[in-house]
Structures are given as C-alpha cells and as structure tokens.
Amino acid sequence: MMNPNIHPTAIIDPSAKIGEGTIVGPFTIIGKNTTIGKNNKIGPSCVIENTDMGDGNELIGHCFIGVKPQDLSYKDGFESRVKIGNKNKIRECVTIHRSTKLEQPTVVGDSCLLMANSHVAHDCILGNNIILANCCGVAGHVRIADHAINRHTRKTCRVKFNRS
C-alpha cells in the first residue's frame, strides 16, 4: 500500500479522505466533505471541497472544484456536491461548481478532458469521454452526452438542456 504523497504546504481538512498513491501539490487546499480516490495527481494551488473524486485523475493546477455555485438562489452553508469519475484530465484554471440540490450533484464522468480555463457550472452533468475546449463555459443545468467533443473534429455533439 502506498500512502498519499502530500506536499508540506498543502492544507487538508481532517474530514477529507485521500486514497493511496495520490499526489497533492504545493499550496493546494482540500476542504471538508471531500473524498479523493487512488492514484490522482493534484497540481499546485488547487481548491477542492464537497467533492467525490474517483481514481487516476490529473488536475494540472489552480483548479477550483466543489466551491459554491454562482446561482443567486443558492443559500450559504448548503452542502451540495460534485462527483468526478475516473481518468479525467483537468487542465489549469478549470472551475467545477457544486450543485444547488442535495439529491443531484454536479457530475463529470470518466475519461474527460477539460482544457484550460473551462467552467462547469452548477447542476451540470457531463457524460464520459467529453472534451471541453479552452475557455468553454458550460452554464448551469446542462447535460452533455457521452463522446461530445469540439465541432471542428466533425463529430456530433449531443447537448441537452435541463430546465429544472
């Protein structure tokens, strides 16, 4: 068993659970209500809270995951969630906000690539094998089906708007 490798400048909430083989970079903050699976690489200056993350993900750095949503109906202190699957590549400065509902987290599936400065807002559900290009903003309450990628690749993007 290989314990997590946590940089001495990282701040980890006592309630957080970090899986074996995970690397946590300098100045990263892992907040309350967070579970991070095995063999993840979390770069410098990330903030992760209220999140369940699977195995084998890579966060390059300066990501904000599970922070409160930018929704005026959100009430401070509401402990909603983000769920991230396995083997995702999350590039620098990506933001993924938690949901506004307890029963349904904001979701990123497996094997997705979220390029630099992309944003996944509250209550979104991203399937598997999705690519979000640089600076792509996925507004709240959007569902993106499996294998959706940039239009220039000539593959079909299937986007569903969920007006809940």
C-alpha atoms as a PDB file:
ATOM      1  CA  MET A   1       0.000   0.000   0.000  1.00  0.00           C
ATOM      2  CA  MET A   2       1.330   3.408  -0.998  1.00  0.00           C
ATOM      3  CA  ASN A   3       0.215   6.315   1.173  1.00  0.00           C
ATOM      4  CA  PRO A   4      -0.743   9.618  -0.429  1.00  0.00           C
ATOM      5  CA  ASN A   5       2.141  11.998  -1.089  1.00  0.00           C
ATOM      6  CA  ILE A   6       1.035  15.371   0.301  1.00  0.00           C
ATOM      7  CA  HIS A   7       3.228  18.441  -0.094  1.00  0.00           C
ATOM      8  CA  PRO A   8       4.013  20.083   3.278  1.00  0.00           C
ATOM      9  CA  THR A   9       2.408  23.374   2.217  1.00  0.00           C
ATOM     10  CA  ALA A  10      -0.930  21.728   1.337  1.00  0.00           C
ATOM     11  CA  ILE A  11      -3.825  22.182   3.764  1.00  0.00           C
ATOM     12  CA  ILE A  12      -6.053  19.139   4.238  1.00  0.00           C
ATOM     13  CA  ASP A  13      -9.291  19.254   6.261  1.00  0.00           C
ATOM     14  CA  PRO A  14      -9.378  16.489   8.885  1.00  0.00           C
ATOM     15  CA  SER A  15     -12.644  15.146   7.391  1.00  0.00           C
ATOM     16  CA  ALA A  16     -11.126  14.697   3.904  1.00  0.00           C
ATOM     17  CA  LYS A  17     -10.213  11.205   2.701  1.00  0.00           C
ATOM     18  CA  ILE A  18      -7.345  10.803   0.229  1.00  0.00           C
ATOM     19  CA  GLY A  19      -6.654   7.477  -1.484  1.00  0.00           C
ATOM     20  CA  GLU A  20      -3.356   5.692  -1.717  1.00  0.00           C
ATOM     21  CA  GLY A  21      -0.917   6.752  -4.393  1.00  0.00           C
ATOM     22  CA  THR A  22      -2.471  10.214  -4.752  1.00  0.00           C
ATOM     23  CA  ILE A  23      -0.076  13.152  -5.058  1.00  0.00           C
ATOM     24  CA  VAL A  24      -1.164  16.543  -3.666  1.00  0.00           C
ATOM     25  CA  GLY A  25       0.890  19.511  -4.848  1.00  0.00           C
ATOM     26  CA  PRO A  26       2.045  22.645  -3.034  1.00  0.00           C
ATOM     27  CA  PHE A  27      -0.413  25.221  -1.702  1.00  0.00           C
ATOM     28  CA  THR A  28      -3.412  23.014  -2.509  1.00  0.00           C
ATOM     29  CA  ILE A  29      -6.392  23.119  -0.152  1.00  0.00           C
ATOM     30  CA  ILE A  30      -8.569  20.047   0.235  1.00  0.00           C
ATOM     31  CA  GLY A  31     -11.617  21.067   2.220  1.00  0.00           C
ATOM     32  CA  LYS A  32     -14.372  19.375   4.128  1.00  0.00           C
ATOM     33  CA  ASN A  33     -16.663  16.669   2.782  1.00  0.00           C
ATOM     34  CA  THR A  34     -14.119  15.555   0.198  1.00  0.00           C
ATOM     35  CA  THR A  35     -13.137  12.057  -0.872  1.00  0.00           C
ATOM     36  CA  ILE A  36     -10.341  11.618  -3.390  1.00  0.00           C
ATOM     37  CA  GLY A  37      -9.670   8.149  -4.789  1.00  0.00           C
ATOM     38  CA  LYS A  38      -6.426   6.378  -5.636  1.00  0.00           C
ATOM     39  CA  ASN A  39      -3.551   7.484  -7.863  1.00  0.00           C
ATOM     40  CA  ASN A  40      -4.730  11.016  -8.576  1.00  0.00           C
ATOM     41  CA  LYS A  41      -2.267  13.822  -9.370  1.00  0.00           C
ATOM     42  CA  ILE A  42      -3.349  17.164  -7.963  1.00  0.00           C
ATOM     43  CA  GLY A  43      -1.140  20.043  -9.006  1.00  0.00           C
ATOM     44  CA  PRO A  44      -0.312  23.252  -7.151  1.00  0.00           C
ATOM     45  CA  SER A  45      -2.782  25.772  -5.779  1.00  0.00           C
ATOM     46  CA  CYS A  46      -5.961  23.761  -6.294  1.00  0.00           C
ATOM     47  CA  VAL A  47      -9.020  24.105  -4.057  1.00  0.00           C
ATOM     48  CA  ILE A  48     -11.201  21.004  -3.742  1.00  0.00           C
ATOM     49  CA  GLU A  49     -14.186  20.723  -1.384  1.00  0.00           C
ATOM     50  CA  ASN A  50     -17.569  18.975  -1.215  1.00  0.00           C
ATOM     51  CA  THR A  51     -16.333  16.557  -3.889  1.00  0.00           C
ATOM     52  CA  ASP A  52     -16.207  12.814  -4.520  1.00  0.00           C
ATOM     53  CA  MET A  53     -13.398  12.087  -6.987  1.00  0.00           C
ATOM     54  CA  GLY A  54     -12.604   8.686  -8.478  1.00  0.00           C
ATOM     55  CA  ASP A  55      -9.229   7.222  -9.412  1.00  0.00           C
ATOM     56  CA  GLY A  56      -6.475   8.204 -11.838  1.00  0.00           C
ATOM     57  CA  ASN A  57      -7.470  11.838 -12.408  1.00  0.00           C
ATOM     58  CA  GLU A  58      -4.956  14.583 -13.165  1.00  0.00           C
ATOM     59  CA  LEU A  59      -5.527  18.211 -12.139  1.00  0.00           C
ATOM     60  CA  ILE A  60      -2.755  20.371 -13.580  1.00  0.00           C
ATOM     61  CA  GLY A  61      -3.065  23.306 -11.173  1.00  0.00           C
ATOM     62  CA  HIS A  62      -5.052  26.304  -9.992  1.00  0.00           C
ATOM     63  CA  CYS A  63      -8.369  24.423 -10.275  1.00  0.00           C
ATOM     64  CA  PHE A  64     -11.397  25.194  -8.108  1.00  0.00           C
ATOM     65  CA  ILE A  65     -13.592  22.124  -7.633  1.00  0.00           C
ATOM     66  CA  GLY A  66     -16.736  21.901  -5.493  1.00  0.00           C
ATOM     67  CA  VAL A  67     -16.874  25.553  -4.490  1.00  0.00           C
ATOM     68  CA  LYS A  68     -20.269  27.188  -4.080  1.00  0.00           C
ATOM     69  CA  PRO A  69     -22.214  27.850  -7.266  1.00  0.00           C
ATOM     70  CA  GLN A  70     -22.742  31.212  -8.921  1.00  0.00           C
ATOM     71  CA  ASP A  71     -26.505  30.945  -8.584  1.00  0.00           C
ATOM     72  CA  LEU A  72     -28.439  33.637  -6.742  1.00  0.00           C
ATOM     73  CA  SER A  73     -30.860  31.038  -5.366  1.00  0.00           C
ATOM     74  CA  TYR A  74     -28.020  29.207  -3.581  1.00  0.00           C
ATOM     75  CA  LYS A  75     -28.034  29.598   0.201  1.00  0.00           C
ATOM     76  CA  ASP A  76     -24.682  29.728   2.005  1.00  0.00           C
ATOM     77  CA  GLY A  77     -23.948  26.627   4.029  1.00  0.00           C
ATOM     78  CA  PHE A  78     -25.903  24.264   1.748  1.00  0.00           C
ATOM     79  CA  GLU A  79     -23.681  21.179   1.431  1.00  0.00           C
ATOM     80  CA  SER A  80     -24.311  20.107  -2.161  1.00  0.00           C
ATOM     81  CA  ARG A  81     -21.721  18.110  -4.119  1.00  0.00           C
ATOM     82  CA  VAL A  82     -19.547  17.495  -7.161  1.00  0.00           C
ATOM     83  CA  LYS A  83     -18.897  13.959  -8.407  1.00  0.00           C
ATOM     84  CA  ILE A  84     -15.920  13.332 -10.689  1.00  0.00           C
ATOM     85  CA  GLY A  85     -15.301   9.919 -12.252  1.00  0.00           C
ATOM     86  CA  ASN A  86     -12.037   8.248 -13.229  1.00  0.00           C
ATOM     87  CA  LYS A  87      -9.136   9.072 -15.558  1.00  0.00           C
ATOM     88  CA  ASN A  88     -10.057  12.688 -16.279  1.00  0.00           C
ATOM     89  CA  LYS A  89      -7.540  15.333 -17.344  1.00  0.00           C
ATOM     90  CA  ILE A  90      -8.444  18.683 -15.803  1.00  0.00           C
ATOM     91  CA  ARG A  91      -6.154  21.411 -17.069  1.00  0.00           C
ATOM     92  CA  GLU A  92      -5.059  24.649 -15.456  1.00  0.00           C
ATOM     93  CA  CYS A  93      -7.591  27.104 -14.007  1.00  0.00           C
ATOM     94  CA  VAL A  94     -10.656  24.890 -14.538  1.00  0.00           C
ATOM     95  CA  THR A  95     -13.653  25.534 -12.277  1.00  0.00           C
ATOM     96  CA  ILE A  96     -16.358  22.992 -11.433  1.00  0.00           C
ATOM     97  CA  HIS A  97     -19.078  24.301  -9.125  1.00  0.00           C
ATOM     98  CA  ARG A  98     -21.188  22.151  -6.886  1.00  0.00           C
ATOM     99  CA  SER A  99     -24.898  21.669  -7.427  1.00  0.00           C
ATOM    100  CA  THR A 100     -27.778  23.618  -5.943  1.00  0.00           C
ATOM    101  CA  LYS A 101     -29.603  20.392  -4.966  1.00  0.00           C
ATOM    102  CA  LEU A 102     -28.666  17.752  -2.407  1.00  0.00           C
ATOM    103  CA  GLU A 103     -30.169  14.884  -4.389  1.00  0.00           C
ATOM    104  CA  GLN A 104     -28.198  15.505  -7.615  1.00  0.00           C
ATOM    105  CA  PRO A 105     -24.533  16.566  -7.668  1.00  0.00           C
ATOM    106  CA  THR A 106     -22.763  18.338 -10.493  1.00  0.00           C
ATOM    107  CA  VAL A 107     -21.165  15.432 -12.405  1.00  0.00           C
ATOM    108  CA  VAL A 108     -18.126  14.915 -14.623  1.00  0.00           C
ATOM    109  CA  GLY A 109     -17.977  11.342 -15.966  1.00  0.00           C
ATOM    110  CA  ASP A 110     -14.917   9.269 -16.890  1.00  0.00           C
ATOM    111  CA  SER A 111     -12.048   9.978 -19.305  1.00  0.00           C
ATOM    112  CA  CYS A 112     -12.951  13.611 -19.986  1.00  0.00           C
ATOM    113  CA  LEU A 113     -10.558  16.390 -20.973  1.00  0.00           C
ATOM    114  CA  LEU A 114     -11.411  19.813 -19.575  1.00  0.00           C
ATOM    115  CA  MET A 115      -8.959  22.216 -21.206  1.00  0.00           C
ATOM    116  CA  ALA A 116      -7.546  25.381 -19.625  1.00  0.00           C
ATOM    117  CA  ASN A 117      -9.979  27.893 -18.150  1.00  0.00           C
ATOM    118  CA  SER A 118     -13.075  25.830 -18.906  1.00  0.00           C
ATOM    119  CA  HIS A 119     -16.009  26.056 -16.492  1.00  0.00           C
ATOM    120  CA  VAL A 120     -18.640  23.514 -15.459  1.00  0.00           C
ATOM    121  CA  ALA A 121     -21.413  25.319 -13.611  1.00  0.00           C
ATOM    122  CA  HIS A 122     -23.879  24.098 -11.005  1.00  0.00           C
ATOM    123  CA  ASP A 123     -26.216  21.175 -11.724  1.00  0.00           C
ATOM    124  CA  CYS A 124     -24.452  20.144 -14.951  1.00  0.00           C
ATOM    125  CA  ILE A 125     -23.991  16.510 -15.885  1.00  0.00           C
ATOM    126  CA  LEU A 126     -21.150  15.637 -18.247  1.00  0.00           C
ATOM    127  CA  GLY A 127     -21.015  12.087 -19.579  1.00  0.00           C
ATOM    128  CA  ASN A 128     -17.903  10.085 -20.442  1.00  0.00           C
ATOM    129  CA  ASN A 129     -15.157  10.877 -22.977  1.00  0.00           C
ATOM    130  CA  ILE A 130     -16.086  14.551 -23.358  1.00  0.00           C
ATOM    131  CA  ILE A 131     -13.669  17.274 -24.433  1.00  0.00           C
ATOM    132  CA  LEU A 132     -14.286  20.891 -23.412  1.00  0.00           C
ATOM    133  CA  ALA A 133     -12.055  23.325 -25.330  1.00  0.00           C
ATOM    134  CA  ASN A 134     -10.116  26.181 -23.732  1.00  0.00           C
ATOM    135  CA  CYS A 135     -12.345  28.788 -22.082  1.00  0.00           C
ATOM    136  CA  CYS A 136     -15.516  26.768 -22.731  1.00  0.00           C
ATOM    137  CA  GLY A 137     -18.303  27.672 -20.312  1.00  0.00           C
ATOM    138  CA  VAL A 138     -20.992  25.084 -19.609  1.00  0.00           C
ATOM    139  CA  ALA A 139     -23.772  27.088 -17.947  1.00  0.00           C
ATOM    140  CA  GLY A 140     -25.900  25.643 -15.152  1.00  0.00           C
ATOM    141  CA  HIS A 141     -28.414  22.808 -15.679  1.00  0.00           C
ATOM    142  CA  VAL A 142     -26.784  21.470 -18.879  1.00  0.00           C
ATOM    143  CA  ARG A 143     -26.341  17.777 -19.730  1.00  0.00           C
ATOM    144  CA  ILE A 144     -23.723  16.711 -22.259  1.00  0.00           C
ATOM    145  CA  ALA A 145     -23.907  13.154 -23.590  1.00  0.00           C
ATOM    146  CA  ASP A 146     -21.006  10.716 -23.895  1.00  0.00           C
ATOM    147  CA  HIS A 147     -18.329  11.352 -26.553  1.00  0.00           C
ATOM    148  CA  ALA A 148     -19.243  15.015 -27.204  1.00  0.00           C
ATOM    149  CA  ILE A 149     -16.230  16.939 -28.494  1.00  0.00           C
ATOM    150  CA  ASN A 150     -15.380  20.105 -30.405  1.00  0.00           C
ATOM    151  CA  ARG A 151     -17.226  20.753 -33.650  1.00  0.00           C
ATOM    152  CA  HIS A 152     -14.036  21.111 -35.702  1.00  0.00           C
ATOM    153  CA  THR A 153     -13.427  17.370 -35.252  1.00  0.00           C
ATOM    154  CA  ARG A 154     -16.613  16.695 -37.293  1.00  0.00           C
ATOM    155  CA  LYS A 155     -18.120  14.555 -34.578  1.00  0.00           C
ATOM    156  CA  THR A 156     -21.640  15.185 -33.352  1.00  0.00           C
ATOM    157  CA  CYS A 157     -22.166  16.980 -30.063  1.00  0.00           C
ATOM    158  CA  ARG A 158     -25.284  15.995 -28.201  1.00  0.00           C
ATOM    159  CA  VAL A 159     -26.280  18.643 -25.690  1.00  0.00           C
ATOM    160  CA  LYS A 160     -29.482  18.519 -23.659  1.00  0.00           C
ATOM    161  CA  PHE A 161     -30.788  21.470 -21.722  1.00  0.00           C
ATOM    162  CA  ASN A 162     -32.451  20.533 -18.466  1.00  0.00           C
ATOM    163  CA  ARG A 163     -34.801  23.260 -17.306  1.00  0.00           C
ATOM    164  CA  SER A 164     -35.448  22.149 -13.751  1.00  0.00           C
END
